[in-house]
Structure formats: structure tokens, C-alpha cells
Amino acid sequence: MIIDKIALILSIVGSLNWGGIGLFKFDTVAWICGGQDSIWARIIYTLVGLAGLWCISLLFREREDIVSSSNM
């Protein structure tokens, strides 16, 4: 499903951002958007959070469902 791929990409972006915060104390999203409190940064943080929640569903899907939906 396309939503699975979008959620996975957003989760990867979020994990890279958190890695940057943890290793270098550098928040890429805040830097791009003009600070953590900007509306754009908050939207991105929210989308990444929702994507992470969506990815939880991937853990509970049957293997056949994942393979058959990726072949479409």
C-alpha cells in the first residue's frame, strides 16, 4: 500500500532527525522550518508521529498480506 511506504519514509525521516539530536544536538526539522515552535515544524513532527503510529500496524500484519499488497 502507498500509505505504508509514506509512513515508512516519514518514520525514517523522524529517526534520522532524532539521531541528529542525540548525536549532534542538531534538530534538522527545526533548522529547516525556522525553529521548533514554527507551524511547519509542528506539522512535520505531527506527521512523523502519526506515521510511527501507522507503522505499529505493520508489526501485526500477516506476512502474506504484506507481500501481496507490495506486489500490486
Protein backbone atom coordinates (compact mmCIF):
# COMPACT_ATOMS: atom_id res chain seq x y z
CA MET A 1 0.00 0.00 0.00
CA ILE A 2 1.16 3.50 -0.73
CA ILE A 3 0.28 4.70 2.76
CA ASP A 4 2.64 2.07 4.20
CA LYS A 5 5.50 3.43 2.11
CA ILE A 6 4.73 7.03 3.04
CA ALA A 7 4.55 6.10 6.73
CA LEU A 8 7.83 4.23 6.49
CA ILE A 9 9.57 7.16 4.78
CA LEU A 10 8.28 9.61 7.39
CA SER A 11 9.38 7.27 10.18
CA ILE A 12 12.85 7.08 8.67
CA VAL A 13 13.00 10.88 8.43
CA GLY A 14 11.95 11.11 12.06
CA SER A 15 14.52 8.56 13.18
CA LEU A 16 17.30 10.38 11.31
CA ASN A 17 16.20 13.63 12.93
CA TRP A 18 16.26 12.04 16.39
CA GLY A 19 19.65 10.53 15.63
CA GLY A 20 20.93 14.01 14.78
CA ILE A 21 19.52 15.37 18.02
CA GLY A 22 21.04 12.56 20.06
CA LEU A 23 24.47 12.57 18.44
CA PHE A 24 25.00 16.21 17.50
CA LYS A 25 22.29 18.16 19.37
CA PHE A 26 21.07 19.33 15.96
CA ASP A 27 17.37 19.31 15.05
CA THR A 28 17.23 19.27 11.25
CA VAL A 29 13.46 19.84 11.08
CA ALA A 30 13.67 22.88 13.35
CA TRP A 31 16.63 24.20 11.38
CA ILE A 32 14.79 23.88 8.05
CA CYS A 33 11.50 25.26 9.37
CA GLY A 34 12.83 28.13 11.48
CA GLY A 35 12.58 26.67 14.97
CA GLN A 36 10.70 24.01 16.88
CA ASP A 37 7.75 26.30 17.56
CA SER A 38 7.08 27.20 13.92
CA ILE A 39 3.84 25.88 12.48
CA TRP A 40 5.68 23.97 9.73
CA ALA A 41 7.93 22.16 12.21
CA ARG A 42 4.92 21.24 14.34
CA ILE A 43 3.12 19.87 11.26
CA ILE A 44 6.15 17.76 10.32
CA TYR A 45 6.53 16.47 13.90
CA THR A 46 2.82 15.57 13.93
CA LEU A 47 3.01 13.76 10.57
CA VAL A 48 6.07 11.81 11.70
CA GLY A 49 4.29 10.84 14.92
CA LEU A 50 1.21 9.68 13.03
CA ALA A 51 3.42 7.73 10.63
CA GLY A 52 5.06 5.99 13.57
CA LEU A 53 1.66 5.00 14.90
CA TRP A 54 0.69 3.66 11.48
CA CYS A 55 3.90 1.61 11.33
CA ILE A 56 2.85 -0.19 14.51
CA SER A 57 0.17 -1.86 12.40
CA LEU A 58 2.91 -3.34 10.20
CA LEU A 59 4.08 -5.41 13.17
CA PHE A 60 0.73 -7.16 13.45
CA ARG A 61 0.03 -7.91 9.80
CA GLU A 62 0.39 -11.37 8.39
CA ARG A 63 3.40 -11.91 6.15
CA GLU A 64 1.17 -12.88 3.19
CA ASP A 65 -0.79 -9.63 3.47
CA ILE A 66 2.38 -7.55 3.28
CA VAL A 67 3.80 -9.49 0.31
CA SER A 68 0.55 -9.48 -1.67
CA SER A 69 -0.03 -5.75 -1.16
CA SER A 70 3.51 -4.87 -2.23
CA ASN A 71 3.17 -6.83 -5.48
CA MET A 72 0.23 -4.71 -6.67
